[in-house]
Amino acid sequence: MDKKTTSIVAYLTWVGLLVAYLAGDKEGAKFHLNQALVIFLFSLASVVPFIGWIWGLFMVVCWIMGFVAAIQQEEKEVPLIGKIKILK
């Protein structure tokens, strides 16, 4: 997969993230792989009642922002959690 396809697939589901990491252009799409991973991990906190639901809504907005940035081939960090780097 090329850089754009890898970036888009990374945001689709956790399976897409895994496929993009294993079969895609890791170096070209490293930014979006990292952003998608951070969004996925932080969205796990949305299972907490009340506060987690608001956090879950925020994570949906972050996911949309990241997905649109991947489609447009831009490297825009999502708010609050975008500076976190898990993948080196």
PDB file of N, CA and C in Angstrom:
ATOM      1  N   MET A   1       0.837  -1.175   0.000  1.00  0.00           N
ATOM      2  CA  MET A   1       0.000   0.000   0.000  1.00  0.00           C
ATOM      3  C   MET A   1       0.886   1.244   0.000  1.00  0.00           C
ATOM      4  N   ASP A   2       0.417   2.271  -0.669  1.00  0.00           N
ATOM      5  CA  ASP A   2       1.165   3.520  -0.674  1.00  0.00           C
ATOM      6  C   ASP A   2       0.856   4.334   0.585  1.00  0.00           C
ATOM      7  N   LYS A   3       1.487   5.486   0.714  1.00  0.00           N
ATOM      8  CA  LYS A   3       1.374   6.309   1.913  1.00  0.00           C
ATOM      9  C   LYS A   3      -0.067   6.736   2.183  1.00  0.00           C
ATOM     10  N   LYS A   4      -0.770   7.216   1.169  1.00  0.00           N
ATOM     11  CA  LYS A   4      -2.133   7.712   1.364  1.00  0.00           C
ATOM     12  C   LYS A   4      -3.071   6.582   1.774  1.00  0.00           C
ATOM     13  N   THR A   5      -2.997   5.460   1.107  1.00  0.00           N
ATOM     14  CA  THR A   5      -3.853   4.324   1.427  1.00  0.00           C
ATOM     15  C   THR A   5      -3.577   3.810   2.835  1.00  0.00           C
ATOM     16  N   THR A   6      -2.318   3.718   3.189  1.00  0.00           N
ATOM     17  CA  THR A   6      -1.953   3.270   4.532  1.00  0.00           C
ATOM     18  C   THR A   6      -2.503   4.223   5.584  1.00  0.00           C
ATOM     19  N   SER A   7      -2.392   5.521   5.329  1.00  0.00           N
ATOM     20  CA  SER A   7      -2.898   6.515   6.275  1.00  0.00           C
ATOM     21  C   SER A   7      -4.398   6.396   6.473  1.00  0.00           C
ATOM     22  N   ILE A   8      -5.134   6.197   5.397  1.00  0.00           N
ATOM     23  CA  ILE A   8      -6.595   6.100   5.478  1.00  0.00           C
ATOM     24  C   ILE A   8      -7.017   4.813   6.166  1.00  0.00           C
ATOM     25  N   VAL A   9      -6.405   3.699   5.796  1.00  0.00           N
ATOM     26  CA  VAL A   9      -6.761   2.401   6.377  1.00  0.00           C
ATOM     27  C   VAL A   9      -6.487   2.377   7.879  1.00  0.00           C
ATOM     28  N   ALA A  10      -5.471   3.091   8.330  1.00  0.00           N
ATOM     29  CA  ALA A  10      -5.126   3.112   9.753  1.00  0.00           C
ATOM     30  C   ALA A  10      -6.265   3.629  10.615  1.00  0.00           C
ATOM     31  N   TYR A  11      -7.099   4.501  10.093  1.00  0.00           N
ATOM     32  CA  TYR A  11      -8.190   5.086  10.869  1.00  0.00           C
ATOM     33  C   TYR A  11      -9.475   4.262  10.843  1.00  0.00           C
ATOM     34  N   LEU A  12      -9.573   3.256   9.995  1.00  0.00           N
ATOM     35  CA  LEU A  12     -10.854   2.580   9.810  1.00  0.00           C
ATOM     36  C   LEU A  12     -11.310   1.799  11.038  1.00  0.00           C
ATOM     37  N   THR A  13     -10.544   0.891  11.543  1.00  0.00           N
ATOM     38  CA  THR A  13     -10.857   0.147  12.776  1.00  0.00           C
ATOM     39  C   THR A  13      -9.526  -0.297  13.372  1.00  0.00           C
ATOM     40  N   TRP A  14      -9.563  -0.987  14.479  1.00  0.00           N
ATOM     41  CA  TRP A  14      -8.307  -1.499  15.040  1.00  0.00           C
ATOM     42  C   TRP A  14      -7.714  -2.544  14.107  1.00  0.00           C
ATOM     43  N   VAL A  15      -8.573  -3.247  13.357  1.00  0.00           N
ATOM     44  CA  VAL A  15      -8.067  -4.209  12.369  1.00  0.00           C
ATOM     45  C   VAL A  15      -7.366  -3.459  11.235  1.00  0.00           C
ATOM     46  N   GLY A  16      -7.956  -2.356  10.799  1.00  0.00           N
ATOM     47  CA  GLY A  16      -7.332  -1.533   9.768  1.00  0.00           C
ATOM     48  C   GLY A  16      -6.002  -0.975  10.231  1.00  0.00           C
ATOM     49  N   LEU A  17      -5.941  -0.586  11.494  1.00  0.00           N
ATOM     50  CA  LEU A  17      -4.690  -0.093  12.060  1.00  0.00           C
ATOM     51  C   LEU A  17      -3.619  -1.183  12.020  1.00  0.00           C
ATOM     52  N   LEU A  18      -4.008  -2.393  12.372  1.00  0.00           N
ATOM     53  CA  LEU A  18      -3.075  -3.517  12.358  1.00  0.00           C
ATOM     54  C   LEU A  18      -2.620  -3.850  10.933  1.00  0.00           C
ATOM     55  N   VAL A  19      -3.561  -3.869  10.000  1.00  0.00           N
ATOM     56  CA  VAL A  19      -3.231  -4.142   8.598  1.00  0.00           C
ATOM     57  C   VAL A  19      -2.308  -3.056   8.053  1.00  0.00           C
ATOM     58  N   ALA A  20      -2.621  -1.798   8.353  1.00  0.00           N
ATOM     59  CA  ALA A  20      -1.797  -0.697   7.864  1.00  0.00           C
ATOM     60  C   ALA A  20      -0.390  -0.778   8.438  1.00  0.00           C
ATOM     61  N   TYR A  21      -0.284  -1.174   9.692  1.00  0.00           N
ATOM     62  CA  TYR A  21       1.036  -1.274  10.313  1.00  0.00           C
ATOM     63  C   TYR A  21       1.846  -2.430   9.723  1.00  0.00           C
ATOM     64  N   LEU A  22       1.190  -3.557   9.488  1.00  0.00           N
ATOM     65  CA  LEU A  22       1.916  -4.744   9.012  1.00  0.00           C
ATOM     66  C   LEU A  22       2.159  -4.749   7.512  1.00  0.00           C
ATOM     67  N   ALA A  23       1.212  -4.220   6.726  1.00  0.00           N
ATOM     68  CA  ALA A  23       1.324  -4.349   5.281  1.00  0.00           C
ATOM     69  C   ALA A  23       1.525  -3.025   4.553  1.00  0.00           C
ATOM     70  N   GLY A  24       1.470  -1.935   5.260  1.00  0.00           N
ATOM     71  CA  GLY A  24       1.521  -0.641   4.587  1.00  0.00           C
ATOM     72  C   GLY A  24       2.892  -0.002   4.594  1.00  0.00           C
ATOM     73  N   ASP A  25       2.925   1.212   4.094  1.00  0.00           N
ATOM     74  CA  ASP A  25       4.130   2.025   4.039  1.00  0.00           C
ATOM     75  C   ASP A  25       4.321   2.672   5.415  1.00  0.00           C
ATOM     76  N   LYS A  26       5.016   1.969   6.310  1.00  0.00           N
ATOM     77  CA  LYS A  26       5.166   2.430   7.698  1.00  0.00           C
ATOM     78  C   LYS A  26       5.903   3.757   7.795  1.00  0.00           C
ATOM     79  N   GLU A  27       6.958   3.907   7.039  1.00  0.00           N
ATOM     80  CA  GLU A  27       7.748   5.134   7.138  1.00  0.00           C
ATOM     81  C   GLU A  27       6.984   6.337   6.584  1.00  0.00           C
ATOM     82  N   GLY A  28       6.304   6.162   5.466  1.00  0.00           N
ATOM     83  CA  GLY A  28       5.577   7.276   4.862  1.00  0.00           C
ATOM     84  C   GLY A  28       4.353   7.695   5.653  1.00  0.00           C
ATOM     85  N   ALA A  29       3.703   6.737   6.299  1.00  0.00           N
ATOM     86  CA  ALA A  29       2.454   7.017   7.007  1.00  0.00           C
ATOM     87  C   ALA A  29       2.612   6.921   8.515  1.00  0.00           C
ATOM     88  N   LYS A  30       3.840   7.037   9.003  1.00  0.00           N
ATOM     89  CA  LYS A  30       4.089   6.875  10.441  1.00  0.00           C
ATOM     90  C   LYS A  30       3.284   7.872  11.275  1.00  0.00           C
ATOM     91  N   PHE A  31       3.148   9.097  10.802  1.00  0.00           N
ATOM     92  CA  PHE A  31       2.392  10.111  11.544  1.00  0.00           C
ATOM     93  C   PHE A  31       0.950   9.660  11.761  1.00  0.00           C
ATOM     94  N   HIS A  32       0.287   9.224  10.688  1.00  0.00           N
ATOM     95  CA  HIS A  32      -1.123   8.829  10.796  1.00  0.00           C
ATOM     96  C   HIS A  32      -1.290   7.497  11.525  1.00  0.00           C
ATOM     97  N   LEU A  33      -0.335   6.602  11.396  1.00  0.00           N
ATOM     98  CA  LEU A  33      -0.378   5.370  12.189  1.00  0.00           C
ATOM     99  C   LEU A  33      -0.329   5.696  13.680  1.00  0.00           C
ATOM    100  N   ASN A  34       0.542   6.617  14.050  1.00  0.00           N
ATOM    101  CA  ASN A  34       0.653   7.009  15.444  1.00  0.00           C
ATOM    102  C   ASN A  34      -0.616   7.711  15.927  1.00  0.00           C
ATOM    103  N   GLN A  35      -1.139   8.629  15.129  1.00  0.00           N
ATOM    104  CA  GLN A  35      -2.354   9.348  15.519  1.00  0.00           C
ATOM    105  C   GLN A  35      -3.528   8.382  15.688  1.00  0.00           C
ATOM    106  N   ALA A  36      -3.682   7.451  14.767  1.00  0.00           N
ATOM    107  CA  ALA A  36      -4.782   6.488  14.849  1.00  0.00           C
ATOM    108  C   ALA A  36      -4.631   5.594  16.080  1.00  0.00           C
ATOM    109  N   LEU A  37      -3.411   5.191  16.395  1.00  0.00           N
ATOM    110  CA  LEU A  37      -3.166   4.364  17.575  1.00  0.00           C
ATOM    111  C   LEU A  37      -3.487   5.131  18.856  1.00  0.00           C
ATOM    112  N   VAL A  38      -3.059   6.372  18.944  1.00  0.00           N
ATOM    113  CA  VAL A  38      -3.331   7.191  20.125  1.00  0.00           C
ATOM    114  C   VAL A  38      -4.840   7.399  20.287  1.00  0.00           C
ATOM    115  N   ILE A  39      -5.533   7.700  19.207  1.00  0.00           N
ATOM    116  CA  ILE A  39      -6.986   7.886  19.268  1.00  0.00           C
ATOM    117  C   ILE A  39      -7.662   6.600  19.725  1.00  0.00           C
ATOM    118  N   PHE A  40      -7.238   5.462  19.174  1.00  0.00           N
ATOM    119  CA  PHE A  40      -7.836   4.193  19.564  1.00  0.00           C
ATOM    120  C   PHE A  40      -7.611   3.903  21.048  1.00  0.00           C
ATOM    121  N   LEU A  41      -6.387   4.078  21.525  1.00  0.00           N
ATOM    122  CA  LEU A  41      -6.082   3.778  22.931  1.00  0.00           C
ATOM    123  C   LEU A  41      -6.821   4.719  23.884  1.00  0.00           C
ATOM    124  N   PHE A  42      -6.859   5.990  23.561  1.00  0.00           N
ATOM    125  CA  PHE A  42      -7.544   6.941  24.430  1.00  0.00           C
ATOM    126  C   PHE A  42      -9.062   6.791  24.360  1.00  0.00           C
ATOM    127  N   SER A  43      -9.576   6.257  23.273  1.00  0.00           N
ATOM    128  CA  SER A  43     -11.026   6.059  23.171  1.00  0.00           C
ATOM    129  C   SER A  43     -11.506   4.917  24.059  1.00  0.00           C
ATOM    130  N   LEU A  44     -10.591   4.078  24.520  1.00  0.00           N
ATOM    131  CA  LEU A  44     -10.974   3.004  25.440  1.00  0.00           C
ATOM    132  C   LEU A  44     -11.498   3.555  26.766  1.00  0.00           C
ATOM    133  N   ALA A  45     -11.117   4.772  27.102  1.00  0.00           N
ATOM    134  CA  ALA A  45     -11.589   5.407  28.344  1.00  0.00           C
ATOM    135  C   ALA A  45     -13.047   5.838  28.252  1.00  0.00           C
ATOM    136  N   SER A  46     -13.649   5.738  27.094  1.00  0.00           N
ATOM    137  CA  SER A  46     -15.038   6.184  26.931  1.00  0.00           C
ATOM    138  C   SER A  46     -16.045   5.211  27.531  1.00  0.00           C
ATOM    139  N   VAL A  47     -15.598   4.093  28.070  1.00  0.00           N
ATOM    140  CA  VAL A  47     -16.520   3.147  28.693  1.00  0.00           C
ATOM    141  C   VAL A  47     -16.919   3.587  30.099  1.00  0.00           C
ATOM    142  N   VAL A  48     -16.216   4.562  30.661  1.00  0.00           N
ATOM    143  CA  VAL A  48     -16.558   5.095  31.979  1.00  0.00           C
ATOM    144  C   VAL A  48     -17.879   5.861  31.860  1.00  0.00           C
ATOM    145  N   PRO A  49     -18.853   5.583  32.730  1.00  0.00           N
ATOM    146  CA  PRO A  49     -20.142   6.283  32.626  1.00  0.00           C
ATOM    147  C   PRO A  49     -20.009   7.806  32.772  1.00  0.00           C
ATOM    148  N   PHE A  50     -20.883   8.509  32.102  1.00  0.00           N
ATOM    149  CA  PHE A  50     -21.033   9.964  32.119  1.00  0.00           C
ATOM    150  C   PHE A  50     -19.827  10.705  31.562  1.00  0.00           C
ATOM    151  N   ILE A  51     -18.742  10.816  32.297  1.00  0.00           N
ATOM    152  CA  ILE A  51     -17.558  11.535  31.816  1.00  0.00           C
ATOM    153  C   ILE A  51     -16.976  10.837  30.591  1.00  0.00           C
ATOM    154  N   GLY A  52     -16.988   9.528  30.602  1.00  0.00           N
ATOM    155  CA  GLY A  52     -16.473   8.760  29.476  1.00  0.00           C
ATOM    156  C   GLY A  52     -17.281   8.968  28.211  1.00  0.00           C
ATOM    157  N   TRP A  53     -18.559   9.224  28.353  1.00  0.00           N
ATOM    158  CA  TRP A  53     -19.394   9.455  27.172  1.00  0.00           C
ATOM    159  C   TRP A  53     -19.011  10.775  26.503  1.00  0.00           C
ATOM    160  N   ILE A  54     -18.739  11.771  27.306  1.00  0.00           N
ATOM    161  CA  ILE A  54     -18.284  13.048  26.746  1.00  0.00           C
ATOM    162  C   ILE A  54     -16.913  12.855  26.101  1.00  0.00           C
ATOM    163  N   TRP A  55     -16.050  12.110  26.783  1.00  0.00           N
ATOM    164  CA  TRP A  55     -14.734  11.810  26.227  1.00  0.00           C
ATOM    165  C   TRP A  55     -14.875  11.027  24.922  1.00  0.00           C
ATOM    166  N   GLY A  56     -15.820  10.091  24.876  1.00  0.00           N
ATOM    167  CA  GLY A  56     -16.057   9.315  23.659  1.00  0.00           C
ATOM    168  C   GLY A  56     -16.482  10.198  22.497  1.00  0.00           C
ATOM    169  N   LEU A  57     -17.314  11.186  22.783  1.00  0.00           N
ATOM    170  CA  LEU A  57     -17.732  12.126  21.742  1.00  0.00           C
ATOM    171  C   LEU A  57     -16.530  12.928  21.245  1.00  0.00           C
ATOM    172  N   PHE A  58     -15.682  13.341  22.170  1.00  0.00           N
ATOM    173  CA  PHE A  58     -14.457  14.051  21.794  1.00  0.00           C
ATOM    174  C   PHE A  58     -13.566  13.162  20.931  1.00  0.00           C
ATOM    175  N   MET A  59     -13.483  11.881  21.258  1.00  0.00           N
ATOM    176  CA  MET A  59     -12.664  10.954  20.475  1.00  0.00           C
ATOM    177  C   MET A  59     -13.226  10.762  19.064  1.00  0.00           C
ATOM    178  N   VAL A  60     -14.539  10.781  18.924  1.00  0.00           N
ATOM    179  CA  VAL A  60     -15.151  10.688  17.589  1.00  0.00           C
ATOM    180  C   VAL A  60     -14.756  11.907  16.762  1.00  0.00           C
ATOM    181  N   VAL A  61     -14.786  13.086  17.376  1.00  0.00           N
ATOM    182  CA  VAL A  61     -14.388  14.308  16.677  1.00  0.00           C
ATOM    183  C   VAL A  61     -12.910  14.226  16.285  1.00  0.00           C
ATOM    184  N   CYS A  62     -12.065  13.736  17.186  1.00  0.00           N
ATOM    185  CA  CYS A  62     -10.640  13.563  16.872  1.00  0.00           C
ATOM    186  C   CYS A  62     -10.447  12.570  15.735  1.00  0.00           C
ATOM    187  N   TRP A  63     -11.222  11.488  15.752  1.00  0.00           N
ATOM    188  CA  TRP A  63     -11.112  10.483  14.688  1.00  0.00           C
ATOM    189  C   TRP A  63     -11.480  11.104  13.337  1.00  0.00           C
ATOM    190  N   ILE A  64     -12.547  11.881  13.309  1.00  0.00           N
ATOM    191  CA  ILE A  64     -12.970  12.531  12.059  1.00  0.00           C
ATOM    192  C   ILE A  64     -11.887  13.493  11.575  1.00  0.00           C
ATOM    193  N   MET A  65     -11.326  14.272  12.495  1.00  0.00           N
ATOM    194  CA  MET A  65     -10.262  15.209  12.116  1.00  0.00           C
ATOM    195  C   MET A  65      -9.049  14.472  11.542  1.00  0.00           C
ATOM    196  N   GLY A  66      -8.666  13.374  12.178  1.00  0.00           N
ATOM    197  CA  GLY A  66      -7.533  12.601  11.692  1.00  0.00           C
ATOM    198  C   GLY A  66      -7.813  11.943  10.355  1.00  0.00           C
ATOM    199  N   PHE A  67      -9.016  11.416  10.196  1.00  0.00           N
ATOM    200  CA  PHE A  67      -9.396  10.751   8.952  1.00  0.00           C
ATOM    201  C   PHE A  67      -9.403  11.740   7.788  1.00  0.00           C
ATOM    202  N   VAL A  68      -9.957  12.923   8.004  1.00  0.00           N
ATOM    203  CA  VAL A  68      -9.975  13.950   6.957  1.00  0.00           C
ATOM    204  C   VAL A  68      -8.561  14.395   6.619  1.00  0.00           C
ATOM    205  N   ALA A  69      -7.711  14.547   7.633  1.00  0.00           N
ATOM    206  CA  ALA A  69      -6.316  14.921   7.380  1.00  0.00           C
ATOM    207  C   ALA A  69      -5.596  13.841   6.575  1.00  0.00           C
ATOM    208  N   ALA A  70      -5.897  12.578   6.844  1.00  0.00           N
ATOM    209  CA  ALA A  70      -5.280  11.487   6.087  1.00  0.00           C
ATOM    210  C   ALA A  70      -5.735  11.506   4.630  1.00  0.00           C
ATOM    211  N   ILE A  71      -7.007  11.779   4.408  1.00  0.00           N
ATOM    212  CA  ILE A  71      -7.526  11.848   3.034  1.00  0.00           C
ATOM    213  C   ILE A  71      -6.858  12.996   2.272  1.00  0.00           C
ATOM    214  N   GLN A  72      -6.660  14.125   2.960  1.00  0.00           N
ATOM    215  CA  GLN A  72      -6.048  15.295   2.322  1.00  0.00           C
ATOM    216  C   GLN A  72      -4.518  15.248   2.345  1.00  0.00           C
ATOM    217  N   GLN A  73      -3.960  14.187   2.874  1.00  0.00           N
ATOM    218  CA  GLN A  73      -2.511  13.980   2.990  1.00  0.00           C
ATOM    219  C   GLN A  73      -1.828  15.112   3.751  1.00  0.00           C
ATOM    220  N   GLU A  74      -2.451  15.547   4.842  1.00  0.00           N
ATOM    221  CA  GLU A  74      -1.877  16.570   5.704  1.00  0.00           C
ATOM    222  C   GLU A  74      -1.479  15.931   7.030  1.00  0.00           C
ATOM    223  N   GLU A  75      -0.536  16.508   7.712  1.00  0.00           N
ATOM    224  CA  GLU A  75      -0.111  16.000   9.013  1.00  0.00           C
ATOM    225  C   GLU A  75      -0.543  16.973  10.095  1.00  0.00           C
ATOM    226  N   LYS A  76      -1.833  16.969  10.409  1.00  0.00           N
ATOM    227  CA  LYS A  76      -2.391  17.823  11.453  1.00  0.00           C
ATOM    228  C   LYS A  76      -2.595  16.993  12.708  1.00  0.00           C
ATOM    229  N   GLU A  77      -2.069  17.482  13.822  1.00  0.00           N
ATOM    230  CA  GLU A  77      -2.255  16.781  15.092  1.00  0.00           C
ATOM    231  C   GLU A  77      -3.669  17.027  15.611  1.00  0.00           C
ATOM    232  N   VAL A  78      -4.240  16.009  16.235  1.00  0.00           N
ATOM    233  CA  VAL A  78      -5.553  16.167  16.856  1.00  0.00           C
ATOM    234  C   VAL A  78      -5.383  16.916  18.173  1.00  0.00           C
ATOM    235  N   PRO A  79      -6.425  17.594  18.650  1.00  0.00           N
ATOM    236  CA  PRO A  79      -6.297  18.369  19.894  1.00  0.00           C
ATOM    237  C   PRO A  79      -6.020  17.491  21.114  1.00  0.00           C
ATOM    238  N   LEU A  80      -5.351  18.032  22.079  1.00  0.00           N
ATOM    239  CA  LEU A  80      -5.007  17.449  23.377  1.00  0.00           C
ATOM    240  C   LEU A  80      -4.082  16.241  23.318  1.00  0.00           C
ATOM    241  N   ILE A  81      -4.364  15.262  22.501  1.00  0.00           N
ATOM    242  CA  ILE A  81      -3.592  14.016  22.522  1.00  0.00           C
ATOM    243  C   ILE A  81      -2.673  13.865  21.310  1.00  0.00           C
ATOM    244  N   GLY A  82      -2.674  14.828  20.421  1.00  0.00           N
ATOM    245  CA  GLY A  82      -1.926  14.715  19.177  1.00  0.00           C
ATOM    246  C   GLY A  82      -0.418  14.717  19.324  1.00  0.00           C
ATOM    247  N   LYS A  83       0.094  15.267  20.404  1.00  0.00           N
ATOM    248  CA  LYS A  83       1.548  15.340  20.589  1.00  0.00           C
ATOM    249  C   LYS A  83       2.139  14.056  21.160  1.00  0.00           C
ATOM    250  N   ILE A  84       1.296  13.124  21.566  1.00  0.00           N
ATOM    251  CA  ILE A  84       1.785  11.876  22.136  1.00  0.00           C
ATOM    252  C   ILE A  84       2.343  10.991  21.020  1.00  0.00           C
ATOM    253  N   LYS A  85       3.563  10.517  21.211  1.00  0.00           N
ATOM    254  CA  LYS A  85       4.214   9.658  20.215  1.00  0.00           C
ATOM    255  C   LYS A  85       4.413   8.273  20.810  1.00  0.00           C
ATOM    256  N   ILE A  86       3.757   7.284  20.235  1.00  0.00           N
ATOM    257  CA  ILE A  86       3.918   5.896  20.670  1.00  0.00           C
ATOM    258  C   ILE A  86       4.850   5.161  19.707  1.00  0.00           C
ATOM    259  N   LEU A  87       4.654   5.384  18.426  1.00  0.00           N
ATOM    260  CA  LEU A  87       5.498   4.757  17.404  1.00  0.00           C
ATOM    261  C   LEU A  87       6.683   5.655  17.116  1.00  0.00           C
ATOM    262  N   LYS A  88       7.849   5.101  17.145  1.00  0.00           N
ATOM    263  CA  LYS A  88       9.070   5.894  16.876  1.00  0.00           C
ATOM    264  C   LYS A  88       9.501   5.709  15.451  1.00  0.00           C
TER     265      LYS A  88
END
